[in-house]
Protein backbone atom coordinates (compact mmCIF):
# COMPACT_ATOMS: atom_id res chain seq x y z
CA UNK A 1 141.87 101.38 -93.54
CA UNK A 2 145.26 100.32 -94.85
CA UNK A 3 147.13 102.97 -96.79
CA UNK A 4 148.73 102.04 -100.05
CA UNK A 5 152.49 102.14 -99.85
CA UNK A 6 152.94 105.13 -102.14
CA UNK A 7 156.19 106.86 -102.87
CA UNK A 8 155.18 109.79 -100.65
CA UNK A 9 155.25 107.59 -97.56
CA UNK A 10 158.65 106.88 -96.18
CA UNK A 11 159.95 107.18 -99.71
CA UNK A 12 163.03 109.20 -98.83
CA UNK A 13 166.21 107.27 -98.17
CA UNK A 14 169.56 108.52 -96.88
CA UNK A 15 171.86 109.75 -99.61
CA UNK A 16 174.73 107.64 -98.30
CA UNK A 17 176.93 105.06 -99.97
CA UNK A 18 174.16 102.45 -99.99
CA UNK A 19 171.67 104.93 -101.43
CA UNK A 20 174.07 106.03 -104.16
CA UNK A 21 174.72 102.37 -105.03
CA UNK A 22 170.96 101.87 -105.49
CA UNK A 23 170.78 104.86 -107.82
CA UNK A 24 173.74 103.51 -109.79
CA UNK A 25 171.97 100.14 -109.92
CA UNK A 26 169.12 101.75 -111.85
CA UNK A 27 171.48 104.07 -113.74
CA UNK A 28 172.85 101.05 -115.63
CA UNK A 29 169.86 101.36 -117.94
CA UNK A 30 171.46 104.57 -119.26
CA UNK A 31 174.52 102.68 -120.56
CA UNK A 32 173.07 101.86 -124.01
CA UNK A 33 172.69 105.61 -124.56
CA UNK A 34 175.91 106.68 -122.86
CA UNK A 35 177.36 108.59 -125.84
CA UNK A 36 174.26 110.73 -126.15
CA UNK A 37 174.41 111.22 -122.38
CA UNK A 38 178.08 112.28 -122.59
CA UNK A 39 177.21 114.83 -125.30
CA UNK A 40 174.55 116.17 -122.94
CA UNK A 41 177.08 116.46 -120.13
CA UNK A 42 179.50 118.35 -122.37
CA UNK A 43 176.69 120.68 -123.48
CA UNK A 44 175.74 121.16 -119.83
CA UNK A 45 179.31 122.12 -118.90
CA UNK A 46 179.66 124.54 -121.80
CA UNK A 47 176.24 126.03 -121.09
CA UNK A 48 177.11 126.65 -117.43
CA UNK A 49 180.56 128.02 -118.27
CA UNK A 50 179.17 130.35 -120.94
CA UNK A 51 176.48 131.61 -118.59
CA UNK A 52 179.05 132.46 -115.92
CA UNK A 53 180.80 134.82 -118.32
CA UNK A 54 177.66 136.92 -118.59
CA UNK A 55 178.04 138.82 -115.25
CA UNK A 56 181.65 139.67 -116.09
CA UNK A 57 180.77 141.22 -119.46
CA UNK A 58 177.68 142.91 -118.00
CA UNK A 59 179.89 144.66 -115.42
CA UNK A 60 182.36 145.75 -118.11
CA UNK A 61 179.45 147.28 -120.03
CA UNK A 62 178.82 149.69 -117.13
CA UNK A 63 182.51 150.48 -116.78
CA UNK A 64 182.84 151.26 -120.50
CA UNK A 65 179.74 153.47 -120.28
CA UNK A 66 181.52 155.46 -117.52
CA UNK A 67 184.77 155.53 -119.49
CA UNK A 68 186.63 153.66 -116.75
CA UNK A 69 187.41 150.35 -118.40
CA UNK A 70 190.69 149.09 -119.79
CA UNK A 71 189.01 145.95 -121.14
CA UNK A 72 189.93 144.60 -124.58
CA UNK A 73 186.45 145.52 -125.83
CA UNK A 74 186.39 149.31 -125.69
CA UNK A 75 182.92 150.31 -126.90
CA UNK A 76 179.38 149.75 -125.63
CA UNK A 77 178.39 148.22 -128.96
CA UNK A 78 181.22 145.69 -128.84
CA UNK A 79 180.34 144.52 -125.34
CA UNK A 80 176.61 144.58 -126.12
CA UNK A 81 177.20 142.34 -129.15
CA UNK A 82 179.42 140.08 -127.00
CA UNK A 83 176.58 139.72 -124.45
CA UNK A 84 174.13 138.83 -127.21
CA UNK A 85 176.66 136.33 -128.56
CA UNK A 86 177.03 134.79 -125.08
CA UNK A 87 173.25 134.40 -124.82
CA UNK A 88 172.99 132.83 -128.29
CA UNK A 89 175.81 130.37 -127.64
CA UNK A 90 174.40 129.57 -124.20
CA UNK A 91 170.93 128.98 -125.69
CA UNK A 92 172.39 126.53 -128.26
CA UNK A 93 174.18 124.57 -125.54
CA UNK A 94 171.05 124.65 -123.36
CA UNK A 95 168.92 123.30 -126.21
CA UNK A 96 171.45 120.54 -126.87
CA UNK A 97 171.56 119.71 -123.15
CA UNK A 98 167.75 119.56 -122.80
CA UNK A 99 167.33 117.53 -126.01
CA UNK A 100 170.03 114.96 -125.21
CA UNK A 101 169.03 114.53 -121.56
CA UNK A 102 165.35 114.15 -122.49
CA UNK A 103 166.18 111.70 -125.29
CA UNK A 104 168.31 109.59 -122.95
CA UNK A 105 165.85 109.71 -120.04
CA UNK A 106 162.77 108.85 -122.14
CA UNK A 107 164.49 105.88 -123.79
CA UNK A 108 166.05 104.79 -120.50
CA UNK A 109 162.80 104.98 -118.58
CA UNK A 110 160.91 103.15 -121.34
CA UNK A 111 163.49 100.36 -121.10
CA UNK A 112 163.20 100.37 -117.31
CA UNK A 113 159.39 100.22 -117.38
CA UNK A 114 159.48 97.37 -119.88
CA UNK A 115 162.11 95.54 -117.81
CA UNK A 116 160.14 95.95 -114.56
CA UNK A 117 156.89 94.88 -116.23
CA UNK A 118 158.54 91.83 -117.78
CA UNK A 119 160.05 90.99 -114.39
CA UNK A 120 156.67 91.29 -112.65
CA UNK A 121 155.02 89.08 -115.27
CA UNK A 122 157.62 86.36 -114.64
CA UNK A 123 157.48 86.52 -110.83
CA UNK A 124 155.98 83.50 -109.02
CA UNK A 125 152.45 83.42 -107.65
CA UNK A 126 153.77 83.55 -104.08
CA UNK A 127 155.09 87.06 -104.81
CA UNK A 128 151.62 88.31 -105.77
CA UNK A 129 150.14 86.77 -102.62
CA UNK A 130 152.10 89.36 -100.62
CA UNK A 131 151.64 92.43 -102.87
CA UNK A 132 148.70 94.60 -103.80
CA UNK A 133 148.12 95.29 -107.48
CA UNK A 134 148.01 99.03 -106.77
CA UNK A 135 151.47 98.83 -105.22
CA UNK A 136 152.92 97.04 -108.23
CA UNK A 137 151.34 99.54 -110.63
CA UNK A 138 152.89 102.28 -108.48
CA UNK A 139 156.33 100.77 -109.10
CA UNK A 140 155.93 101.10 -112.88
CA UNK A 141 154.23 104.52 -112.77
CA UNK A 142 155.09 106.65 -109.74
CA UNK A 143 158.51 105.20 -108.95
CA UNK A 144 159.71 105.28 -112.54
CA UNK A 145 158.30 108.81 -112.96
CA UNK A 146 160.34 109.89 -109.95
CA UNK A 147 163.45 108.49 -111.61
CA UNK A 148 162.43 110.18 -114.85
CA UNK A 149 162.42 113.53 -113.05
CA UNK A 150 165.86 112.67 -111.70
CA UNK A 151 167.35 111.72 -115.06
CA UNK A 152 165.67 114.54 -117.00
CA UNK A 153 165.87 117.45 -114.59
CA UNK A 154 167.38 116.76 -111.17
CA UNK A 155 170.66 115.23 -112.35
CA UNK A 156 171.20 118.02 -114.87
CA UNK A 157 170.35 120.67 -112.29
CA UNK A 158 172.66 119.08 -109.73
CA UNK A 159 175.57 119.10 -112.18
CA UNK A 160 174.76 122.64 -113.31
CA UNK A 161 174.57 123.97 -109.75
CA UNK A 162 177.79 122.20 -108.79
CA UNK A 163 179.56 123.60 -111.86
CA UNK A 164 178.35 127.10 -111.03
CA UNK A 165 179.73 126.73 -107.52
CA UNK A 166 183.02 125.16 -108.65
CA UNK A 167 183.60 127.78 -111.35
CA UNK A 168 181.83 130.76 -109.81
CA UNK A 169 183.37 130.73 -106.33
CA UNK A 170 187.03 130.73 -107.52
CA UNK A 171 186.17 133.45 -110.05
CA UNK A 172 184.75 135.86 -107.50
CA UNK A 173 187.63 135.10 -105.10
CA UNK A 174 190.09 136.07 -107.83
CA UNK A 175 188.15 139.02 -109.25
CA UNK A 176 186.56 140.48 -106.09
CA UNK A 177 188.43 139.22 -102.99
CA UNK A 178 187.17 141.81 -100.46
CA UNK A 179 183.53 141.53 -101.51
CA UNK A 180 183.77 137.72 -101.52
CA UNK A 181 185.11 137.61 -97.96
CA UNK A 182 182.26 139.87 -96.80
CA UNK A 183 179.75 137.62 -98.56
CA UNK A 184 181.18 134.53 -96.88
CA UNK A 185 180.63 136.15 -93.49
CA UNK A 186 176.94 136.92 -94.15
CA UNK A 187 175.41 134.92 -96.99
CA UNK A 188 175.83 131.26 -95.94
CA UNK A 189 174.15 131.83 -92.58
CA UNK A 190 171.04 133.11 -94.30
CA UNK A 191 171.07 130.32 -96.89
CA UNK A 192 171.53 127.57 -94.30
CA UNK A 193 168.67 129.04 -92.27
CA UNK A 194 166.46 128.90 -95.36
CA UNK A 195 167.42 125.26 -95.95
CA UNK A 196 166.58 124.36 -92.35
CA UNK A 197 163.23 126.15 -92.59
CA UNK A 198 162.49 124.32 -95.85
CA UNK A 199 163.05 120.95 -94.19
CA UNK A 200 160.55 121.91 -91.48
CA UNK A 201 157.98 122.83 -94.13
CA UNK A 202 158.44 119.50 -95.91
CA UNK A 203 157.67 117.67 -92.68
CA UNK A 204 154.42 119.62 -92.43
CA UNK A 205 153.56 118.71 -96.03
CA UNK A 206 153.95 115.01 -95.24
CA UNK A 207 150.57 114.89 -93.48
CA UNK A 208 148.84 116.41 -96.50
CA UNK A 209 150.39 113.82 -98.79
CA UNK A 210 149.35 110.98 -96.47
CA UNK A 211 145.75 112.19 -96.41
CA UNK A 212 145.75 112.54 -100.18
CA UNK A 213 146.90 108.91 -100.42
CA UNK A 214 143.88 107.94 -98.29
CA UNK A 215 141.60 109.83 -100.67
CA UNK A 216 143.08 108.08 -103.68
CA UNK A 217 142.51 104.70 -102.03
CA UNK A 218 138.82 105.52 -101.60
CA UNK A 219 138.58 106.21 -105.34
CA UNK A 220 140.51 103.04 -106.21
CA UNK A 221 138.42 100.81 -103.95
CA UNK A 222 135.05 102.18 -105.03
CA UNK A 223 135.84 102.02 -108.75
CA UNK A 224 137.14 98.46 -108.43
CA UNK A 225 133.97 97.52 -106.51
CA UNK A 226 131.51 99.73 -108.37
CA UNK A 227 129.01 96.87 -108.75
CA UNK A 228 128.93 96.39 -104.96
CA UNK A 229 128.52 100.13 -104.39
CA UNK A 230 125.58 100.31 -106.77
CA UNK A 231 123.94 97.10 -105.56
CA UNK A 232 123.87 98.48 -102.02
CA UNK A 233 122.86 101.95 -103.32
CA UNK A 234 125.78 103.50 -101.45
CA UNK A 235 126.70 106.10 -104.06
CA UNK A 236 125.83 108.97 -101.72
CA UNK A 237 127.74 107.35 -98.86
CA UNK A 238 130.88 106.95 -100.98
CA UNK A 239 130.61 110.50 -102.34
CA UNK A 240 130.33 111.82 -98.77
CA UNK A 241 133.24 109.62 -97.64
CA UNK A 242 135.42 110.97 -100.43
CA UNK A 243 134.32 114.54 -99.74
CA UNK A 244 135.14 114.15 -96.05
CA UNK A 245 138.59 112.82 -96.92
CA UNK A 246 139.22 115.68 -99.36
CA UNK A 247 138.12 118.24 -96.75
CA UNK A 248 140.75 116.85 -94.39
CA UNK A 249 143.33 117.26 -97.16
CA UNK A 250 142.24 120.85 -97.80
CA UNK A 251 142.30 121.81 -94.09
CA UNK A 252 145.76 120.36 -93.57
CA UNK A 253 147.06 121.96 -96.76
CA UNK A 254 145.71 125.39 -95.77
CA UNK A 255 147.26 125.02 -92.32
CA UNK A 256 150.60 124.11 -93.90
CA UNK A 257 150.28 127.00 -96.37
CA UNK A 258 150.57 129.51 -93.50
CA UNK A 259 154.01 128.18 -92.67
CA UNK A 260 154.86 127.92 -96.34
CA UNK A 261 153.96 131.58 -96.78
CA UNK A 262 156.23 132.50 -93.89
CA UNK A 263 158.95 130.34 -95.44
CA UNK A 264 158.67 132.07 -98.82
CA UNK A 265 158.76 135.48 -97.16
CA UNK A 266 161.78 134.44 -95.12
CA UNK A 267 163.50 133.11 -98.25
CA UNK A 268 162.97 136.41 -100.03
CA UNK A 269 164.32 138.35 -97.06
CA UNK A 270 167.23 135.94 -96.66
CA UNK A 271 168.31 135.88 -100.30
CA UNK A 272 167.72 139.49 -101.21
CA UNK A 273 168.74 140.69 -97.76
CA UNK A 274 172.13 139.12 -98.33
CA UNK A 275 172.37 140.80 -101.72
CA UNK A 276 171.41 144.14 -100.15
CA UNK A 277 174.06 143.70 -97.45
CA UNK A 278 176.76 142.91 -99.99
CA UNK A 279 175.61 145.74 -102.27
CA UNK A 280 175.61 148.13 -99.30
CA UNK A 281 179.18 147.25 -98.47
CA UNK A 282 180.09 147.38 -102.14
CA UNK A 283 178.64 150.88 -102.42
CA UNK A 284 181.14 152.10 -99.79
CA UNK A 285 183.95 150.46 -101.79
CA UNK A 286 182.74 152.20 -104.96
CA UNK A 287 182.52 155.50 -103.12
CA UNK A 288 186.09 155.08 -101.90
CA UNK A 289 187.26 154.17 -105.41
CA UNK A 290 188.42 150.67 -104.42
CA UNK A 291 186.10 148.94 -106.94
CA UNK A 292 184.26 150.15 -110.02
CA UNK A 293 180.50 150.21 -110.50
CA UNK A 294 180.86 147.52 -113.15
CA UNK A 295 182.80 145.27 -110.80
CA UNK A 296 180.13 145.70 -108.13
CA UNK A 297 177.36 144.91 -110.65
CA UNK A 298 179.24 141.80 -111.85
CA UNK A 299 179.76 140.66 -108.28
CA UNK A 300 176.07 141.09 -107.42
CA UNK A 301 175.11 138.97 -110.44
CA UNK A 302 177.67 136.29 -109.53
CA UNK A 303 176.39 136.32 -105.97
CA UNK A 304 172.82 135.87 -107.21
CA UNK A 305 173.86 132.89 -109.38
CA UNK A 306 175.82 131.28 -106.56
CA UNK A 307 173.16 131.98 -103.94
CA UNK A 308 170.49 130.46 -106.19
CA UNK A 309 172.65 127.39 -106.69
CA UNK A 310 173.13 126.90 -102.96
CA UNK A 311 169.42 127.36 -102.27
CA UNK A 312 168.51 124.98 -105.12
CA UNK A 313 170.69 122.22 -103.71
CA UNK A 314 168.16 121.68 -100.91
CA UNK A 315 165.35 120.68 -103.29
CA UNK A 316 167.77 118.67 -105.41
CA UNK A 317 168.96 116.76 -102.35
CA UNK A 318 165.36 116.02 -101.37
CA UNK A 319 164.58 114.80 -104.90
CA UNK A 320 167.65 112.57 -104.87
CA UNK A 321 166.46 111.07 -101.58
CA UNK A 322 163.12 110.25 -103.19
CA UNK A 323 164.97 108.79 -106.16
CA UNK A 324 166.93 106.50 -103.84
CA UNK A 325 163.61 105.33 -102.36
CA UNK A 326 162.21 104.71 -105.85
CA UNK A 327 165.40 102.88 -106.87
CA UNK A 328 165.21 100.69 -103.78
CA UNK A 329 161.62 99.68 -104.52
CA UNK A 330 162.36 98.96 -108.18
CA UNK A 331 165.54 96.99 -107.43
CA UNK A 332 163.56 94.94 -104.90
CA UNK A 333 161.51 93.66 -107.84
CA UNK A 334 164.41 93.33 -110.26
CA UNK A 335 166.45 91.35 -107.72
CA UNK A 336 163.58 88.97 -106.93
CA UNK A 337 163.91 85.40 -108.17
CA UNK A 338 161.59 84.90 -111.14
CA UNK A 339 160.26 81.96 -113.16
CA UNK A 340 161.60 83.07 -116.52
CA UNK A 341 162.11 80.23 -118.96
CA UNK A 342 162.28 80.15 -122.74
CA UNK A 343 159.58 77.92 -124.13
CA UNK A 344 160.60 75.51 -126.89
CA UNK A 345 157.08 74.10 -127.32
CA UNK A 346 158.39 70.66 -128.17
CA UNK A 347 157.15 68.97 -124.98
CA UNK A 348 154.08 66.78 -125.49
CA UNK A 349 152.83 65.13 -122.31
CA UNK A 350 150.54 62.11 -122.29
CA UNK A 351 148.91 63.32 -119.06
CA UNK A 352 149.69 60.80 -116.30
CA UNK A 353 149.60 62.62 -112.93
CA UNK A 354 150.88 61.29 -109.59
CA UNK A 355 150.70 63.05 -106.22
CA UNK A 356 153.02 61.21 -103.84
CA UNK A 357 152.66 62.16 -100.14
CA UNK A 358 152.37 65.85 -100.99
CA UNK A 359 152.28 68.28 -98.07
CA UNK A 360 151.88 72.01 -98.47
CA UNK A 361 151.34 75.26 -96.54
CA UNK A 362 150.90 78.63 -98.23
CA UNK A 363 153.89 80.95 -97.68
CA UNK A 364 151.64 83.59 -96.11
CA UNK A 365 150.09 80.99 -93.74
CA UNK A 366 152.88 78.65 -92.74
CA UNK A 367 151.04 77.65 -89.57
CA UNK A 368 148.22 76.00 -91.53
CA UNK A 369 148.90 72.75 -93.42
CA UNK A 370 146.54 72.72 -96.41
CA UNK A 371 147.58 69.38 -97.95
CA UNK A 372 148.48 66.61 -95.53
CA UNK A 373 150.43 63.90 -97.32
CA UNK A 374 147.96 63.58 -100.18
CA UNK A 375 148.47 60.77 -102.72
CA UNK A 376 146.59 59.73 -105.86
CA UNK A 377 147.25 58.73 -109.48
CA UNK A 378 145.45 59.83 -112.64
CA UNK A 379 146.06 57.81 -115.79
CA UNK A 380 146.42 59.46 -119.24
CA UNK A 381 143.02 60.36 -120.70
CA UNK A 382 141.23 59.69 -117.39
CA UNK A 383 138.52 62.06 -116.15
CA UNK A 384 138.75 62.72 -112.40
CA UNK A 385 136.56 64.94 -110.23
CA UNK A 386 137.66 66.58 -106.98
CA UNK A 387 134.82 66.97 -104.50
CA UNK A 388 134.76 68.31 -100.99
CA UNK A 389 133.77 71.20 -98.76
CA UNK A 390 135.23 74.68 -99.26
CA UNK A 391 138.74 74.98 -97.89
CA UNK A 392 139.45 71.26 -98.14
CA UNK A 393 142.37 71.75 -100.58
CA UNK A 394 140.85 71.19 -104.04
CA UNK A 395 142.07 74.47 -105.57
CA UNK A 396 145.42 74.01 -103.85
CA UNK A 397 145.87 70.70 -105.68
CA UNK A 398 145.37 72.54 -108.97
CA UNK A 399 147.79 75.29 -107.92
CA UNK A 400 150.38 72.64 -107.14
CA UNK A 401 149.80 70.90 -110.47
CA UNK A 402 150.22 74.23 -112.28
CA UNK A 403 153.51 74.76 -110.36
CA UNK A 404 152.27 78.01 -108.85
CA UNK A 405 153.77 76.64 -105.62
CA UNK A 406 156.23 73.92 -104.69
CA UNK A 407 155.34 71.12 -102.23
CA UNK A 408 156.67 71.41 -98.70
CA UNK A 409 157.17 67.64 -98.80
CA UNK A 410 156.46 64.88 -101.29
CA UNK A 411 156.57 64.88 -105.07
CA UNK A 412 154.28 65.60 -108.01
CA UNK A 413 155.13 63.51 -111.05
CA UNK A 414 153.76 64.01 -114.57
CA UNK A 415 154.46 61.19 -117.03
CA UNK A 416 156.71 59.68 -114.37
CA UNK A 417 158.95 62.75 -114.06
CA UNK A 418 159.03 65.29 -111.21
CA UNK A 419 157.04 68.21 -112.59
CA UNK A 420 159.74 70.67 -111.48
CA UNK A 421 162.25 69.04 -113.84
CA UNK A 422 160.36 70.24 -116.90
CA UNK A 423 160.92 73.60 -118.55
CA UNK A 424 158.23 75.72 -116.89
CA UNK A 425 156.78 77.33 -120.03
CA UNK A 426 156.77 74.04 -121.94
CA UNK A 427 155.17 72.30 -118.98
CA UNK A 428 152.37 74.84 -118.55
CA UNK A 429 151.73 74.85 -122.28
CA UNK A 430 150.44 71.29 -121.78
CA UNK A 431 147.85 72.35 -119.20
CA UNK A 432 144.62 74.20 -119.98
CA UNK A 433 142.23 75.64 -117.43
CA UNK A 434 138.64 76.86 -117.55
CA UNK A 435 138.01 78.72 -114.28
CA UNK A 436 134.76 79.37 -112.46
CA UNK A 437 135.14 83.14 -112.79
CA UNK A 438 136.33 83.77 -116.33
CA UNK A 439 138.43 86.90 -116.78
CA UNK A 440 138.55 88.11 -120.36
CA UNK A 441 140.77 90.86 -121.68
CA UNK A 442 139.14 94.07 -122.84
CA UNK A 443 139.74 93.46 -126.56
CA UNK A 444 137.74 91.54 -129.14
CA UNK A 445 136.33 88.02 -128.98
CA UNK A 446 138.92 86.97 -131.57
CA UNK A 447 141.79 88.26 -129.40
CA UNK A 448 140.44 86.47 -126.32
CA UNK A 449 140.06 83.12 -128.06
CA UNK A 450 143.44 83.48 -129.79
CA UNK A 451 145.05 83.96 -126.37
CA UNK A 452 145.13 80.15 -126.22
CA UNK A 453 147.34 80.09 -129.32
CA UNK A 454 148.63 83.49 -130.34
CA UNK A 455 149.64 82.40 -133.85
CA UNK A 456 146.33 80.64 -134.65
CA UNK A 457 144.70 81.16 -138.03
CA UNK A 458 141.19 82.56 -138.46
CA UNK A 459 139.92 79.10 -139.39
CA UNK A 460 141.37 77.58 -136.21
CA UNK A 461 139.78 80.31 -134.08
CA UNK A 462 136.34 79.86 -135.65
CA UNK A 463 136.62 76.06 -135.38
CA UNK A 464 137.41 76.39 -131.66
CA UNK A 465 134.42 78.70 -131.24
CA UNK A 466 132.15 76.14 -132.96
CA UNK A 467 133.39 73.30 -130.74
CA UNK A 468 132.77 75.47 -127.67
CA UNK A 469 129.16 76.16 -128.73
CA UNK A 470 130.15 79.84 -128.92
CA UNK A 471 129.89 80.46 -132.67
CA UNK A 472 126.08 80.80 -132.59
CA UNK A 473 126.07 83.88 -130.34
CA UNK A 474 129.28 85.26 -131.88
CA UNK A 475 127.77 85.08 -135.37
CA UNK A 476 124.66 86.93 -134.13
CA UNK A 477 126.71 90.00 -133.17
CA UNK A 478 126.98 92.72 -135.85
CA UNK A 479 130.77 92.77 -135.54
CA UNK A 480 131.05 89.01 -135.02
CA UNK A 481 134.65 88.12 -134.02
CA UNK A 482 135.55 91.81 -133.81
CA UNK A 483 133.02 92.40 -131.02
CA UNK A 484 134.72 94.14 -128.10
CA UNK A 485 133.96 92.28 -124.87
CA UNK A 486 134.65 95.23 -122.55
CA UNK A 487 136.64 95.38 -119.34
CA UNK A 488 136.98 91.84 -117.94
CA UNK A 489 134.31 90.71 -120.46
CA UNK A 490 131.41 92.67 -118.92
CA UNK A 491 129.58 92.99 -122.28
CA UNK A 492 129.06 89.22 -122.44
CA UNK A 493 126.83 87.08 -120.26
CA UNK A 494 128.26 84.53 -117.85
CA UNK A 495 127.55 81.65 -120.21
CA UNK A 496 129.04 83.49 -123.16
CA UNK A 497 132.21 84.26 -121.22
CA UNK A 498 132.50 80.61 -120.22
CA UNK A 499 132.18 79.44 -123.82
CA UNK A 500 134.82 81.93 -124.98
CA UNK A 501 137.09 80.55 -122.24
CA UNK A 502 136.36 77.00 -123.42
CA UNK A 503 137.16 77.99 -127.01
CA UNK A 504 140.43 79.42 -125.75
CA UNK A 505 141.23 76.12 -124.02
CA UNK A 506 140.23 74.11 -127.13
CA UNK A 507 142.58 76.22 -129.24
CA UNK A 508 145.41 75.55 -126.79
CA UNK A 509 144.80 71.80 -127.18
CA UNK A 510 146.33 70.84 -123.80
CA UNK A 511 147.24 67.35 -122.69
CA UNK A 512 145.84 68.06 -119.22
CA UNK A 513 142.59 69.97 -118.69
CA UNK A 514 141.42 71.59 -115.47
CA UNK A 515 137.78 72.62 -115.03
CA UNK A 516 137.29 74.68 -111.89
CA UNK A 517 133.53 74.70 -111.23
CA UNK A 518 133.05 75.92 -114.79
CA UNK A 519 129.21 75.70 -114.72
CA UNK A 520 128.41 76.53 -111.10
CA UNK A 521 127.11 80.07 -111.73
CA UNK A 522 125.14 79.46 -114.96
CA UNK A 523 121.44 79.11 -115.68
CA UNK A 524 120.03 75.81 -116.95
CA UNK A 525 120.19 76.66 -120.66
CA UNK A 526 123.70 78.09 -120.49
CA UNK A 527 124.83 75.16 -118.35
CA UNK A 528 123.64 72.68 -120.96
CA UNK A 529 125.50 74.48 -123.75
CA UNK A 530 128.65 74.83 -121.65
CA UNK A 531 128.45 71.22 -120.46
CA UNK A 532 128.21 69.98 -124.04
CA UNK A 533 131.26 72.06 -124.95
CA UNK A 534 133.16 70.77 -121.93
CA UNK A 535 132.44 67.14 -122.84
CA UNK A 536 133.91 67.77 -126.31
CA UNK A 537 136.87 69.46 -124.72
CA UNK A 538 137.54 66.57 -122.32
CA UNK A 539 137.66 63.96 -125.07
CA UNK A 540 141.00 62.08 -125.26
CA UNK A 541 142.75 64.20 -122.64
CA UNK A 542 143.42 63.93 -118.90
CA UNK A 543 140.76 66.02 -117.18
CA UNK A 544 140.44 67.21 -113.60
CA UNK A 545 137.08 68.64 -112.64
CA UNK A 546 136.42 70.61 -109.46
CA UNK A 547 132.68 70.62 -108.82
CA UNK A 548 130.21 71.50 -106.10
CA UNK A 549 127.24 70.62 -108.31
CA UNK A 550 127.57 66.84 -108.20
CA UNK A 551 125.14 66.27 -111.06
CA UNK A 552 127.81 67.52 -113.49
CA UNK A 553 130.34 64.80 -112.62
CA UNK A 554 128.33 61.60 -112.87
CA UNK A 555 130.16 60.53 -116.05
CA UNK A 556 133.75 60.94 -114.79
CA UNK A 557 135.95 57.89 -114.34
CA UNK A 558 136.95 58.57 -110.73
CA UNK A 559 135.77 60.89 -107.97
CA UNK A 560 138.24 61.90 -105.24
CA UNK A 561 136.62 63.25 -102.10
CA UNK A 562 138.96 65.73 -100.40
CA UNK A 563 138.54 66.71 -96.77
CA UNK A 564 141.01 68.60 -94.58
CA UNK A 565 143.80 68.18 -97.13
CA UNK A 566 143.47 64.39 -97.50
CA UNK A 567 141.74 61.97 -99.87
CA UNK A 568 139.04 60.39 -97.73
CA UNK A 569 137.01 58.59 -100.43
CA UNK A 570 137.72 57.42 -103.97
CA UNK A 571 135.59 55.70 -106.59
CA UNK A 572 132.95 56.12 -109.28
CA UNK A 573 129.72 58.01 -108.76
CA UNK A 574 127.80 54.76 -108.29
CA UNK A 575 130.31 53.36 -105.80
CA UNK A 576 130.47 56.48 -103.66
CA UNK A 577 126.71 57.13 -103.77
CA UNK A 578 126.07 53.65 -102.34
CA UNK A 579 128.35 54.16 -99.31
CA UNK A 580 126.36 54.54 -96.08
CA UNK A 581 127.20 57.76 -94.24
CA UNK A 582 129.89 58.49 -96.80
CA UNK A 583 130.87 62.11 -97.33
CA UNK A 584 129.96 61.99 -101.03
CA UNK A 585 126.64 60.22 -100.48
CA UNK A 586 125.68 62.72 -97.79
CA UNK A 587 126.58 65.66 -100.07
CA UNK A 588 124.54 64.04 -102.83
CA UNK A 589 121.49 63.59 -100.56
CA UNK A 590 121.80 67.18 -99.35
CA UNK A 591 121.81 68.56 -102.91
CA UNK A 592 118.85 66.38 -103.89
CA UNK A 593 116.87 67.69 -100.89
CA UNK A 594 117.76 71.31 -101.74
CA UNK A 595 116.61 70.87 -105.34
């Protein structure tokens, strides 16, 4: 089973020049809030600087208590009040830092999510042919959340830890030179060992994360295909499959926890062992009168701050690597060529369509030519049916007309102009489509019909529903137009969904209409109602009908028989039905025999 490309898989990228450039590429979304961000940085610097004065005053408190201090503050109460003041000032700066960083990151990430979503919406159909929906959702959710952690926490922590090191290390060198030299000889070795051990543990955790991704895919697949699961009564099978996957996660996690426990124990020994070693040496210096107890206490606190900063850099570095991976995946979308165009809605086509020697292969299947130099002309207001076996190229012709793809060779002209010369949004606003499998949004019937014209009045919506033979069942619902159709329209029957889709197309009032087997899955009664609505819809507009049920296309002006990407027969129903051994006549005889 293919694993979804989640951020936990190969998500880390080197923190080199290229990686930093990718982070900066996403960081540009912070620029509108740069002054708030700068205030946060100032608060961060002041907070870190204020905090580093705490060990110094704490040490002087002990010296004053022993009567050995020549500090400017000479009483315990004075130093105690100074320590409280330091904590209060530090807390104010910390609050300001947290508030400003959170404000900037939330606004920045909202902008980024909106920008990525808008970009995805405008990307061409060929992009979606090569991406899974789950992967694209992961870009907006998981990847952006990773960057949110970076902007809100990781970046602030990185700067704070760096400031502690840049300020703290010179301070202890100046204040406690002998103790600092001893620390340098012992402490870094232990810290670096802990960092190395931590990297080993993270590699062990990778397997757990991979297995968890597999478990999540099982949930995603079964919920998306819940009707199939239930129709085959495989609930127990899927529950067992998920349980088996979770058990694998648990076993791997428990196995990794043994090493993690050893790592935590080692970290404790390493960090506090270093403090004990320094304190031990410091005790001899106190005993010999070379340093005071207060100085030793201050140094131990400084050492703890600095040691914690060094140890924390490992996790921060790992998070930054993940952020580079997230940035790379997001920039891949943002840098992709899209179809964005501003609609002016002043283009009114008459509906003449010409395919001139059009050849095409799908980008994901370049080795297979789907359309092989196909040519035909449809006059304005003409009703044309496309007939042929599955895979012959009928839907591809519609995709080409909709400009979902560009021809490999040849030209598609609409009203005598290459279709790719029109503004894309204006062009598509002239084409309406009623698909075989209608997908409705989860809102109300009104919202779904109004999708054809978002600024339509209530009267226009109801009029479209009447013309689509949909008002009768809508009016029978207690909530009428406010009836919620459910996810993908599941609360409506197939015929009802089709009529809502027809009402949507009527409201759009397109110059060119595409009907993609719009009645193939309906019962007789629903088909009659839908067919009546479709005939009203096709009046005075160019219509292209894809149909397997040949009885529904007897009244069209022209039937094009498509086979292997070429037009093999063309004519009216009567003309094609009378052809001996013709493809259409044989299909017609076959359907008559079946019925």
